[in-house]
């Protein structure tokens, strides 16, 4: 199944977009959008810069994002020209509806390794929780601090960020993080395991499970 197979929204009211905005760190991201129609919090990327601000991604109709930006200081809101979908927002409901029969028909298993969600600060340990994560992913906002906080709660010793990413948002973790952006970086990641003195579990135990 590919995203290009998803039918367009039944009621398309214009092009969608995502936008980037820095806000004071102690400001609740959702408070900014209480009275803003058709603009939603898509992602909280966490603390940035000197630590006094957080970076958030907003999703919505492009016209609504542009109107919202007009009420902010010049240049504060950057509306992306590269993304035409309001990721992790209610505007992606058509994707959730399209995926629902497939997800309901799939067999999910309890994960062998706990999955830490970006939607809340908790470890997902059951098949039903994993299924729910996939159901909510298109339309619910995500939070890097939630994920990092959950990993910290579980005693994580090393994090690996796989593929292209805004790596700076992961550097606020209490554990070291290595960016594996290409196959060339795999060796660096494996070296980091030994550099930080991390003991890996027995492979025989993994096979037995």
N, C-alpha and C. Protein backbone atom coordinates (compact mmCIF):
# COMPACT_ATOMS: atom_id res chain seq x y z
N UNK A 1 0.84 -1.19 0.00
CA UNK A 1 0.00 0.00 0.00
C UNK A 1 0.88 1.25 0.00
N UNK A 2 0.55 2.20 -0.89
CA UNK A 2 1.32 3.42 -1.01
C UNK A 2 0.40 4.62 -0.84
N UNK A 3 0.98 5.74 -0.38
CA UNK A 3 0.16 6.92 -0.15
C UNK A 3 -0.50 7.41 -1.42
N UNK A 4 0.14 7.18 -2.57
CA UNK A 4 -0.48 7.66 -3.80
C UNK A 4 -1.76 6.91 -4.13
N UNK A 5 -2.00 5.78 -3.46
CA UNK A 5 -3.23 5.03 -3.67
C UNK A 5 -4.40 5.59 -2.85
N UNK A 6 -4.09 6.48 -1.91
CA UNK A 6 -5.14 7.04 -1.05
C UNK A 6 -5.97 8.04 -1.85
N UNK A 7 -7.28 7.89 -1.86
CA UNK A 7 -8.12 8.87 -2.58
C UNK A 7 -8.04 10.24 -1.92
N UNK A 8 -8.27 11.30 -2.66
CA UNK A 8 -8.22 12.65 -2.08
C UNK A 8 -9.37 12.85 -1.10
N UNK A 9 -9.27 13.88 -0.25
CA UNK A 9 -10.36 14.17 0.69
C UNK A 9 -11.68 14.39 -0.04
N UNK A 10 -12.77 13.96 0.58
CA UNK A 10 -14.09 14.12 -0.04
C UNK A 10 -14.43 15.58 -0.23
N UNK A 11 -14.06 16.41 0.74
CA UNK A 11 -14.33 17.85 0.64
C UNK A 11 -13.00 18.60 0.67
N UNK A 12 -12.44 18.82 -0.49
CA UNK A 12 -11.14 19.48 -0.59
C UNK A 12 -11.36 20.99 -0.66
N UNK A 13 -10.90 21.70 0.35
CA UNK A 13 -11.11 23.15 0.38
C UNK A 13 -9.83 23.92 0.11
N UNK A 14 -8.89 23.30 -0.55
CA UNK A 14 -7.67 24.02 -0.91
C UNK A 14 -6.41 23.26 -0.56
N UNK A 15 -5.27 23.73 -1.07
CA UNK A 15 -4.00 23.06 -0.81
C UNK A 15 -3.62 23.12 0.67
N UNK A 16 -2.97 22.04 1.11
CA UNK A 16 -2.48 21.97 2.48
C UNK A 16 -0.99 22.29 2.53
N UNK A 17 -0.49 22.50 3.75
CA UNK A 17 0.93 22.80 3.92
C UNK A 17 1.31 22.58 5.38
N UNK A 18 2.61 22.62 5.64
CA UNK A 18 3.13 22.63 7.01
C UNK A 18 3.98 23.87 7.17
N UNK A 19 4.09 24.33 8.41
CA UNK A 19 4.86 25.54 8.68
C UNK A 19 5.66 25.35 9.97
N UNK A 20 6.76 26.06 10.07
CA UNK A 20 7.66 25.97 11.21
C UNK A 20 7.60 27.27 12.00
N UNK A 21 7.57 27.14 13.34
CA UNK A 21 7.45 28.32 14.19
C UNK A 21 8.20 28.08 15.50
N UNK A 22 8.94 29.09 15.95
CA UNK A 22 9.57 29.06 17.27
C UNK A 22 8.68 29.83 18.25
N UNK A 23 8.48 29.24 19.42
CA UNK A 23 7.67 29.89 20.44
C UNK A 23 8.41 29.83 21.78
N UNK A 24 8.07 30.69 22.75
CA UNK A 24 8.71 30.59 24.07
C UNK A 24 8.55 29.18 24.64
N UNK A 25 9.60 28.68 25.28
CA UNK A 25 9.59 27.29 25.71
C UNK A 25 8.46 26.97 26.67
N UNK A 26 8.10 27.91 27.52
CA UNK A 26 7.07 27.64 28.51
C UNK A 26 5.65 27.89 28.00
N UNK A 27 5.52 28.14 26.71
CA UNK A 27 4.20 28.33 26.10
C UNK A 27 3.65 26.99 25.63
N UNK A 28 2.44 26.66 26.01
CA UNK A 28 1.80 25.44 25.52
C UNK A 28 1.47 25.61 24.05
N UNK A 29 2.00 24.76 23.16
CA UNK A 29 1.80 24.96 21.72
C UNK A 29 0.33 25.09 21.33
N UNK A 30 -0.53 24.29 21.95
CA UNK A 30 -1.93 24.33 21.58
C UNK A 30 -2.62 25.64 21.90
N UNK A 31 -2.10 26.37 22.90
CA UNK A 31 -2.74 27.63 23.30
C UNK A 31 -2.71 28.66 22.18
N UNK A 32 -1.70 28.58 21.31
CA UNK A 32 -1.58 29.56 20.23
C UNK A 32 -2.68 29.41 19.19
N UNK A 33 -3.30 28.23 19.15
CA UNK A 33 -4.20 27.91 18.04
C UNK A 33 -5.65 27.78 18.49
N UNK A 34 -5.96 28.17 19.71
CA UNK A 34 -7.32 27.99 20.23
C UNK A 34 -8.38 28.63 19.34
N UNK A 35 -8.09 29.80 18.80
CA UNK A 35 -9.08 30.52 18.00
C UNK A 35 -8.64 30.67 16.54
N UNK A 36 -7.80 29.74 16.09
CA UNK A 36 -7.30 29.81 14.71
C UNK A 36 -7.91 28.67 13.91
N UNK A 37 -8.84 28.96 13.00
CA UNK A 37 -9.47 27.89 12.23
C UNK A 37 -8.53 27.29 11.19
N UNK A 38 -8.64 25.98 11.02
CA UNK A 38 -7.95 25.25 9.95
C UNK A 38 -6.43 25.25 10.09
N UNK A 39 -5.91 25.52 11.29
CA UNK A 39 -4.48 25.40 11.58
C UNK A 39 -4.35 24.54 12.83
N UNK A 40 -3.46 23.55 12.78
CA UNK A 40 -3.35 22.57 13.85
C UNK A 40 -1.89 22.35 14.23
N UNK A 41 -1.67 21.96 15.47
CA UNK A 41 -0.34 21.54 15.89
C UNK A 41 -0.05 20.17 15.30
N UNK A 42 1.01 20.06 14.51
CA UNK A 42 1.41 18.78 13.93
C UNK A 42 2.51 18.11 14.73
N UNK A 43 3.49 18.89 15.19
CA UNK A 43 4.62 18.29 15.91
C UNK A 43 5.26 19.30 16.85
N UNK A 44 5.61 18.82 18.02
CA UNK A 44 6.43 19.59 18.96
C UNK A 44 7.83 18.99 18.89
N UNK A 45 8.77 19.76 18.35
CA UNK A 45 10.14 19.26 18.18
C UNK A 45 11.01 19.51 19.40
N UNK A 46 10.48 20.25 20.37
CA UNK A 46 11.22 20.43 21.61
C UNK A 46 12.10 21.67 21.64
N UNK A 47 12.94 21.70 22.63
CA UNK A 47 13.80 22.85 22.92
C UNK A 47 14.83 23.05 21.81
N UNK A 48 15.03 24.31 21.42
CA UNK A 48 16.01 24.65 20.38
C UNK A 48 16.80 25.88 20.81
N UNK A 49 17.87 26.14 20.06
CA UNK A 49 18.67 27.34 20.29
C UNK A 49 19.29 27.36 21.67
N UNK A 50 19.13 28.47 22.37
CA UNK A 50 19.70 28.64 23.70
C UNK A 50 18.88 27.95 24.78
N UNK A 51 17.78 27.32 24.38
CA UNK A 51 16.94 26.63 25.35
C UNK A 51 15.74 27.42 25.81
N UNK A 52 15.61 28.66 25.34
CA UNK A 52 14.49 29.50 25.75
C UNK A 52 13.28 29.35 24.83
N UNK A 53 13.46 28.62 23.72
CA UNK A 53 12.38 28.46 22.74
C UNK A 53 12.20 26.98 22.41
N UNK A 54 11.03 26.68 21.87
CA UNK A 54 10.77 25.37 21.32
C UNK A 54 10.34 25.54 19.87
N UNK A 55 10.62 24.52 19.06
CA UNK A 55 10.22 24.52 17.66
C UNK A 55 8.98 23.66 17.49
N UNK A 56 7.97 24.22 16.82
CA UNK A 56 6.77 23.45 16.53
C UNK A 56 6.50 23.47 15.03
N UNK A 57 5.85 22.42 14.56
CA UNK A 57 5.37 22.35 13.19
C UNK A 57 3.85 22.46 13.22
N UNK A 58 3.32 23.29 12.36
CA UNK A 58 1.88 23.48 12.25
C UNK A 58 1.41 22.93 10.91
N UNK A 59 0.25 22.32 10.90
CA UNK A 59 -0.33 21.83 9.67
C UNK A 59 -1.68 22.48 9.44
N UNK A 60 -2.03 22.67 8.18
CA UNK A 60 -3.33 23.27 7.89
C UNK A 60 -3.46 23.58 6.42
N UNK A 61 -4.53 24.27 6.07
CA UNK A 61 -4.65 24.75 4.70
C UNK A 61 -3.63 25.88 4.51
N UNK A 62 -3.02 25.90 3.35
CA UNK A 62 -1.97 26.89 3.10
C UNK A 62 -2.49 28.31 3.33
N UNK A 63 -3.68 28.59 2.86
CA UNK A 63 -4.24 29.94 3.02
C UNK A 63 -4.43 30.28 4.50
N UNK A 64 -4.85 29.30 5.31
CA UNK A 64 -5.06 29.54 6.73
C UNK A 64 -3.73 29.78 7.44
N UNK A 65 -2.70 29.02 7.05
CA UNK A 65 -1.38 29.23 7.64
C UNK A 65 -0.84 30.61 7.29
N UNK A 66 -1.07 31.02 6.06
CA UNK A 66 -0.58 32.35 5.65
C UNK A 66 -1.31 33.46 6.42
N UNK A 67 -2.61 33.29 6.63
CA UNK A 67 -3.35 34.29 7.41
C UNK A 67 -2.85 34.33 8.85
N UNK A 68 -2.59 33.17 9.41
CA UNK A 68 -2.07 33.10 10.78
C UNK A 68 -0.71 33.80 10.86
N UNK A 69 0.12 33.59 9.85
CA UNK A 69 1.45 34.21 9.84
C UNK A 69 1.40 35.72 9.76
N UNK A 70 0.36 36.26 9.16
CA UNK A 70 0.24 37.72 9.03
C UNK A 70 0.07 38.40 10.39
N UNK A 71 -0.38 37.65 11.38
CA UNK A 71 -0.54 38.22 12.71
C UNK A 71 0.68 38.06 13.60
N UNK A 72 1.75 37.49 13.05
CA UNK A 72 2.99 37.27 13.79
C UNK A 72 4.07 38.22 13.29
N UNK A 73 5.16 38.39 14.03
CA UNK A 73 6.27 39.21 13.53
C UNK A 73 6.75 38.69 12.18
N UNK A 74 7.20 39.60 11.33
CA UNK A 74 7.65 39.24 9.98
C UNK A 74 8.71 38.15 10.04
N UNK A 75 8.50 37.10 9.25
CA UNK A 75 9.47 36.02 9.17
C UNK A 75 9.38 34.99 10.27
N UNK A 76 8.46 35.17 11.23
CA UNK A 76 8.38 34.23 12.35
C UNK A 76 7.87 32.86 11.91
N UNK A 77 6.92 32.86 10.99
CA UNK A 77 6.32 31.61 10.51
C UNK A 77 6.85 31.30 9.12
N UNK A 78 7.45 30.13 8.97
CA UNK A 78 7.96 29.72 7.67
C UNK A 78 7.06 28.62 7.11
N UNK A 79 6.31 28.95 6.08
CA UNK A 79 5.43 27.98 5.43
C UNK A 79 6.22 27.26 4.35
N UNK A 80 6.32 25.94 4.48
CA UNK A 80 7.12 25.15 3.55
C UNK A 80 6.51 25.12 2.16
N UNK A 81 7.37 25.23 1.17
CA UNK A 81 6.92 25.09 -0.22
C UNK A 81 7.07 23.65 -0.70
N UNK A 82 7.69 22.81 0.12
CA UNK A 82 8.02 21.45 -0.31
C UNK A 82 6.98 20.42 0.08
N UNK A 83 6.17 20.71 1.10
CA UNK A 83 5.22 19.71 1.61
C UNK A 83 3.80 20.18 1.35
N UNK A 84 3.04 19.34 0.67
CA UNK A 84 1.67 19.70 0.33
C UNK A 84 0.63 18.94 1.13
N UNK A 85 1.02 18.43 2.30
CA UNK A 85 0.08 17.71 3.15
C UNK A 85 0.26 18.17 4.59
N UNK A 86 -0.84 18.35 5.29
CA UNK A 86 -0.81 18.78 6.69
C UNK A 86 -0.65 17.54 7.58
N UNK A 87 0.58 17.04 7.65
CA UNK A 87 0.85 15.81 8.38
C UNK A 87 0.38 15.91 9.83
N UNK A 88 -0.02 14.76 10.39
CA UNK A 88 -0.39 14.66 11.81
C UNK A 88 -1.43 15.71 12.20
N UNK A 89 -2.44 15.85 11.38
CA UNK A 89 -3.51 16.80 11.69
C UNK A 89 -4.85 16.22 11.24
N UNK A 90 -5.96 16.76 11.74
CA UNK A 90 -7.28 16.26 11.34
C UNK A 90 -7.53 16.33 9.83
N UNK A 91 -6.77 17.14 9.12
CA UNK A 91 -6.96 17.23 7.67
C UNK A 91 -6.53 15.95 6.96
N UNK A 92 -5.90 15.04 7.67
CA UNK A 92 -5.49 13.76 7.10
C UNK A 92 -6.48 12.64 7.44
N UNK A 93 -7.69 13.01 7.83
CA UNK A 93 -8.68 12.01 8.20
C UNK A 93 -8.95 11.03 7.07
N UNK A 94 -8.87 11.50 5.83
CA UNK A 94 -9.14 10.59 4.70
C UNK A 94 -8.12 9.46 4.65
N UNK A 95 -6.89 9.73 5.11
CA UNK A 95 -5.88 8.67 5.15
C UNK A 95 -6.22 7.65 6.23
N UNK A 96 -6.61 8.13 7.40
CA UNK A 96 -7.02 7.22 8.48
C UNK A 96 -8.18 6.34 8.04
N UNK A 97 -9.16 6.95 7.38
CA UNK A 97 -10.33 6.19 6.93
C UNK A 97 -9.93 5.13 5.90
N UNK A 98 -8.98 5.48 5.03
CA UNK A 98 -8.55 4.54 4.00
C UNK A 98 -7.78 3.38 4.62
N UNK A 99 -6.96 3.66 5.63
CA UNK A 99 -6.12 2.63 6.24
C UNK A 99 -6.89 1.75 7.23
N UNK A 100 -7.99 2.25 7.75
CA UNK A 100 -8.68 1.56 8.84
C UNK A 100 -9.01 0.10 8.54
N UNK A 101 -9.62 -0.25 7.39
CA UNK A 101 -9.92 -1.66 7.14
C UNK A 101 -8.67 -2.53 7.10
N UNK A 102 -7.60 -2.01 6.52
CA UNK A 102 -6.35 -2.78 6.45
C UNK A 102 -5.77 -3.00 7.83
N UNK A 103 -5.73 -1.95 8.65
CA UNK A 103 -5.18 -2.08 10.00
C UNK A 103 -6.03 -3.03 10.84
N UNK A 104 -7.35 -2.96 10.68
CA UNK A 104 -8.22 -3.83 11.46
C UNK A 104 -8.05 -5.29 11.06
N UNK A 105 -7.68 -5.53 9.80
CA UNK A 105 -7.52 -6.91 9.33
C UNK A 105 -6.13 -7.48 9.63
N UNK A 106 -5.18 -6.62 9.94
CA UNK A 106 -3.81 -7.07 10.20
C UNK A 106 -3.70 -7.70 11.59
N UNK A 107 -2.77 -8.65 11.69
CA UNK A 107 -2.46 -9.26 12.99
C UNK A 107 -1.28 -8.53 13.60
N UNK A 108 -1.48 -7.93 14.75
CA UNK A 108 -0.41 -7.27 15.49
C UNK A 108 -0.01 -8.16 16.66
N UNK A 109 1.26 -8.11 17.02
CA UNK A 109 1.77 -8.89 18.15
C UNK A 109 2.33 -7.95 19.21
N UNK A 110 2.35 -8.42 20.44
CA UNK A 110 3.01 -7.65 21.49
C UNK A 110 4.48 -7.46 21.11
N UNK A 111 4.99 -6.24 21.13
CA UNK A 111 6.39 -6.03 20.73
C UNK A 111 7.36 -6.68 21.72
N UNK A 112 8.43 -7.28 21.19
CA UNK A 112 9.46 -7.86 22.06
C UNK A 112 10.22 -6.76 22.80
N UNK A 113 10.40 -5.64 22.12
CA UNK A 113 11.06 -4.48 22.72
C UNK A 113 10.01 -3.38 22.84
N UNK A 114 9.85 -2.76 24.00
CA UNK A 114 8.84 -1.71 24.15
C UNK A 114 9.02 -0.60 23.12
N UNK A 115 7.91 -0.11 22.58
CA UNK A 115 7.91 0.98 21.61
C UNK A 115 7.53 2.26 22.34
N UNK A 116 8.37 3.28 22.21
CA UNK A 116 8.07 4.55 22.88
C UNK A 116 7.40 5.50 21.90
N UNK A 117 6.20 5.90 22.25
CA UNK A 117 5.35 6.67 21.35
C UNK A 117 5.72 8.14 21.34
N UNK A 118 5.52 8.77 20.18
CA UNK A 118 5.67 10.22 20.06
C UNK A 118 4.37 10.94 20.42
N UNK A 119 3.33 10.18 20.73
CA UNK A 119 2.03 10.80 20.99
C UNK A 119 1.77 11.03 22.47
N UNK A 120 2.42 10.24 23.31
CA UNK A 120 2.36 10.45 24.74
C UNK A 120 3.62 9.84 25.35
N UNK A 121 3.93 10.25 26.55
CA UNK A 121 5.15 9.77 27.20
C UNK A 121 4.86 8.43 27.87
N UNK A 122 4.94 7.37 27.08
CA UNK A 122 4.67 6.03 27.61
C UNK A 122 5.28 4.98 26.70
N UNK A 123 5.48 3.81 27.27
CA UNK A 123 5.98 2.68 26.49
C UNK A 123 4.79 1.83 26.04
N UNK A 124 4.77 1.49 24.77
CA UNK A 124 3.71 0.64 24.23
C UNK A 124 4.20 -0.81 24.30
N UNK A 125 3.43 -1.66 24.96
CA UNK A 125 3.87 -3.03 25.19
C UNK A 125 2.89 -4.08 24.68
N UNK A 126 1.75 -3.67 24.15
CA UNK A 126 0.75 -4.63 23.70
C UNK A 126 0.42 -4.43 22.22
N UNK A 127 -0.12 -5.48 21.62
CA UNK A 127 -0.50 -5.41 20.21
C UNK A 127 -1.57 -4.35 19.99
N UNK A 128 -2.52 -4.25 20.90
CA UNK A 128 -3.59 -3.26 20.75
C UNK A 128 -3.05 -1.84 20.78
N UNK A 129 -2.03 -1.59 21.61
CA UNK A 129 -1.44 -0.26 21.67
C UNK A 129 -0.72 0.08 20.37
N UNK A 130 -0.07 -0.91 19.77
CA UNK A 130 0.62 -0.67 18.50
C UNK A 130 -0.40 -0.40 17.39
N UNK A 131 -1.48 -1.17 17.37
CA UNK A 131 -2.52 -0.94 16.37
C UNK A 131 -3.10 0.48 16.51
N UNK A 132 -3.35 0.88 17.75
CA UNK A 132 -3.89 2.22 18.02
C UNK A 132 -2.93 3.30 17.55
N UNK A 133 -1.63 3.07 17.72
CA UNK A 133 -0.63 4.03 17.26
C UNK A 133 -0.75 4.25 15.76
N UNK A 134 -0.89 3.18 15.00
CA UNK A 134 -1.02 3.31 13.55
C UNK A 134 -2.34 3.99 13.17
N UNK A 135 -3.39 3.71 13.92
CA UNK A 135 -4.68 4.34 13.64
C UNK A 135 -4.59 5.86 13.82
N UNK A 136 -3.92 6.29 14.87
CA UNK A 136 -3.91 7.72 15.22
C UNK A 136 -2.82 8.51 14.51
N UNK A 137 -1.81 7.83 14.00
CA UNK A 137 -0.64 8.53 13.47
C UNK A 137 -0.95 9.59 12.41
N UNK A 138 -1.83 9.35 11.45
CA UNK A 138 -2.06 10.38 10.43
C UNK A 138 -2.68 11.67 10.97
N UNK A 139 -3.48 11.58 12.03
CA UNK A 139 -4.29 12.74 12.43
C UNK A 139 -3.92 13.34 13.78
N UNK A 140 -3.08 12.68 14.56
CA UNK A 140 -2.75 13.17 15.90
C UNK A 140 -1.37 13.83 15.90
N UNK A 141 -1.18 14.89 16.68
CA UNK A 141 0.14 15.53 16.74
C UNK A 141 1.15 14.64 17.43
N UNK A 142 2.42 14.82 17.08
CA UNK A 142 3.50 14.04 17.68
C UNK A 142 4.42 14.97 18.46
N UNK A 143 5.19 14.38 19.36
CA UNK A 143 6.06 15.17 20.23
C UNK A 143 7.39 14.46 20.42
N UNK A 144 8.47 15.08 19.97
CA UNK A 144 9.80 14.53 20.21
C UNK A 144 10.10 14.48 21.71
N UNK A 145 9.76 15.53 22.50
CA UNK A 145 9.99 15.43 23.94
C UNK A 145 9.28 14.25 24.60
N UNK A 146 8.07 13.91 24.14
CA UNK A 146 7.39 12.74 24.69
C UNK A 146 8.21 11.48 24.45
N UNK A 147 8.71 11.32 23.22
CA UNK A 147 9.46 10.12 22.89
C UNK A 147 10.77 10.06 23.67
N UNK A 148 11.50 11.18 23.69
CA UNK A 148 12.78 11.21 24.41
C UNK A 148 12.55 10.98 25.90
N UNK A 149 11.51 11.61 26.46
CA UNK A 149 11.21 11.43 27.87
C UNK A 149 10.92 9.98 28.22
N UNK A 150 10.16 9.30 27.35
CA UNK A 150 9.88 7.89 27.58
C UNK A 150 11.13 7.04 27.53
N UNK A 151 12.01 7.33 26.58
CA UNK A 151 13.26 6.59 26.48
C UNK A 151 14.13 6.83 27.71
N UNK A 152 14.14 8.07 28.20
CA UNK A 152 14.89 8.37 29.42
C UNK A 152 14.31 7.61 30.61
N UNK A 153 12.99 7.54 30.68
CA UNK A 153 12.34 6.82 31.78
C UNK A 153 12.74 5.35 31.79
N UNK A 154 13.01 4.79 30.61
CA UNK A 154 13.32 3.36 30.52
C UNK A 154 14.81 3.07 30.68
N UNK A 155 15.62 4.12 30.89
CA UNK A 155 17.05 3.92 31.10
C UNK A 155 17.85 3.74 29.82
N UNK A 156 17.40 4.34 28.73
CA UNK A 156 18.12 4.23 27.46
C UNK A 156 19.55 4.76 27.59
N UNK A 157 20.51 4.03 27.01
CA UNK A 157 21.92 4.41 27.09
C UNK A 157 22.44 5.04 25.81
N UNK A 158 21.82 4.74 24.68
CA UNK A 158 22.27 5.28 23.39
C UNK A 158 21.09 5.32 22.44
N UNK A 159 20.94 6.43 21.72
CA UNK A 159 19.89 6.55 20.72
C UNK A 159 20.48 6.61 19.32
N UNK A 160 19.79 6.00 18.36
CA UNK A 160 20.19 6.05 16.96
C UNK A 160 19.05 6.69 16.17
N UNK A 161 19.34 7.77 15.47
CA UNK A 161 18.38 8.43 14.60
C UNK A 161 18.66 7.96 13.19
N UNK A 162 17.72 7.23 12.60
CA UNK A 162 17.93 6.61 11.29
C UNK A 162 17.33 7.46 10.18
N UNK A 163 18.14 7.75 9.16
CA UNK A 163 17.67 8.48 8.00
C UNK A 163 17.70 9.99 8.19
N UNK A 164 17.33 10.73 7.15
CA UNK A 164 17.32 12.21 7.23
C UNK A 164 16.39 12.68 8.35
N UNK A 165 16.85 13.63 9.14
CA UNK A 165 16.04 14.14 10.25
C UNK A 165 16.61 15.45 10.74
N UNK A 166 15.77 16.21 11.44
CA UNK A 166 16.25 17.43 12.10
C UNK A 166 16.98 16.99 13.37
N UNK A 167 18.23 16.61 13.20
CA UNK A 167 18.97 15.93 14.26
C UNK A 167 19.09 16.77 15.53
N UNK A 168 19.15 18.08 15.38
CA UNK A 168 19.33 18.94 16.55
C UNK A 168 18.26 18.76 17.60
N UNK A 169 17.05 18.35 17.19
CA UNK A 169 15.96 18.20 18.15
C UNK A 169 16.17 17.00 19.07
N UNK A 170 17.09 16.11 18.72
CA UNK A 170 17.34 14.93 19.54
C UNK A 170 18.51 15.13 20.50
N UNK A 171 19.20 16.25 20.38
CA UNK A 171 20.41 16.45 21.17
C UNK A 171 20.12 16.93 22.59
N UNK A 172 18.85 17.10 22.94
CA UNK A 172 18.51 17.47 24.31
C UNK A 172 18.31 16.26 25.20
N UNK A 173 18.49 15.06 24.64
CA UNK A 173 18.32 13.85 25.43
C UNK A 173 19.44 13.72 26.46
N UNK A 174 19.16 13.04 27.56
CA UNK A 174 20.18 12.83 28.59
C UNK A 174 21.15 11.73 28.20
N UNK A 175 20.83 10.97 27.15
CA UNK A 175 21.72 9.92 26.66
C UNK A 175 22.32 10.35 25.32
N UNK A 176 23.49 9.81 24.95
CA UNK A 176 24.09 10.18 23.66
C UNK A 176 23.24 9.69 22.49
N UNK A 177 23.24 10.46 21.42
CA UNK A 177 22.47 10.12 20.22
C UNK A 177 23.39 10.20 19.01
N UNK A 178 23.34 9.18 18.16
CA UNK A 178 24.15 9.11 16.95
C UNK A 178 23.23 9.16 15.74
N UNK A 179 23.57 9.98 14.76
CA UNK A 179 22.76 10.12 13.55
C UNK A 179 23.29 9.17 12.48
N UNK A 180 22.46 8.22 12.08
CA UNK A 180 22.79 7.28 11.02
C UNK A 180 22.01 7.71 9.78
N UNK A 181 22.58 8.65 9.04
CA UNK A 181 21.86 9.24 7.91
C UNK A 181 22.04 8.44 6.64
N UNK A 182 23.10 7.65 6.55
CA UNK A 182 23.37 6.86 5.35
C UNK A 182 24.08 5.57 5.78
N UNK A 183 24.17 4.58 4.88
CA UNK A 183 24.88 3.34 5.23
C UNK A 183 26.32 3.57 5.68
N UNK A 184 26.92 4.66 5.23
CA UNK A 184 28.30 4.95 5.62
C UNK A 184 28.43 5.21 7.12
N UNK A 185 27.32 5.56 7.77
CA UNK A 185 27.36 5.92 9.19
C UNK A 185 27.12 4.72 10.10
N UNK A 186 26.82 3.55 9.54
CA UNK A 186 26.52 2.39 10.37
C UNK A 186 27.73 2.02 11.22
N UNK A 187 28.92 2.09 10.63
CA UNK A 187 30.13 1.75 11.38
C UNK A 187 30.30 2.68 12.57
N UNK A 188 30.01 3.98 12.36
CA UNK A 188 30.13 4.93 13.46
C UNK A 188 29.15 4.59 14.58
N UNK A 189 27.97 4.14 14.21
CA UNK A 189 26.97 3.78 15.23
C UNK A 189 27.44 2.58 16.04
N UNK A 190 27.98 1.57 15.35
CA UNK A 190 28.46 0.39 16.06
C UNK A 190 29.65 0.73 16.95
N UNK A 191 30.50 1.62 16.47
CA UNK A 191 31.64 2.05 17.28
C UNK A 191 31.17 2.77 18.54
N UNK A 192 30.09 3.55 18.41
CA UNK A 192 29.58 4.29 19.56
C UNK A 192 29.13 3.35 20.68
N UNK A 193 28.61 2.18 20.31
CA UNK A 193 28.17 1.22 21.32
C UNK A 193 29.33 0.87 22.25
N UNK A 194 30.50 0.65 21.65
CA UNK A 194 31.67 0.28 22.45
C UNK A 194 32.29 1.50 23.11
N UNK A 195 32.27 2.63 22.42
CA UNK A 195 32.85 3.85 23.00
C UNK A 195 32.15 4.24 24.30
N UNK A 196 30.84 4.02 24.35
CA UNK A 196 30.07 4.40 25.54
C UNK A 196 29.94 3.25 26.55
N UNK A 197 30.61 2.14 26.26
CA UNK A 197 30.61 1.03 27.21
C UNK A 197 29.27 0.38 27.41
N UNK A 198 28.49 0.28 26.34
CA UNK A 198 27.15 -0.28 26.45
C UNK A 198 27.21 -1.79 26.27
N UNK A 199 26.63 -2.52 27.20
CA UNK A 199 26.60 -3.98 27.13
C UNK A 199 25.37 -4.42 26.35
N UNK A 200 25.61 -5.17 25.27
CA UNK A 200 24.50 -5.65 24.44
C UNK A 200 23.96 -6.96 25.01
N UNK A 201 22.66 -7.21 24.86
CA UNK A 201 22.11 -8.48 25.34
C UNK A 201 22.63 -9.64 24.52
N UNK A 202 22.61 -10.82 25.10
CA UNK A 202 23.08 -12.02 24.42
C UNK A 202 22.22 -12.30 23.19
N UNK A 203 22.87 -12.60 22.07
CA UNK A 203 22.12 -12.95 20.85
C UNK A 203 21.41 -14.28 21.02
N UNK A 204 21.96 -15.17 21.85
CA UNK A 204 21.31 -16.46 22.07
C UNK A 204 19.96 -16.27 22.76
N UNK A 205 19.90 -15.29 23.67
CA UNK A 205 18.63 -15.01 24.34
C UNK A 205 17.60 -14.52 23.35
N UNK A 206 18.05 -13.71 22.38
CA UNK A 206 17.13 -13.20 21.39
C UNK A 206 16.60 -14.30 20.49
N UNK A 207 17.47 -15.26 20.11
CA UNK A 207 17.05 -16.36 19.26
C UNK A 207 16.05 -17.24 20.00
N UNK A 208 16.29 -17.43 21.30
CA UNK A 208 15.41 -18.29 22.09
C UNK A 208 14.00 -17.74 22.15
N UNK A 209 13.88 -16.42 22.13
CA UNK A 209 12.56 -15.82 22.17
C UNK A 209 11.84 -15.96 20.84
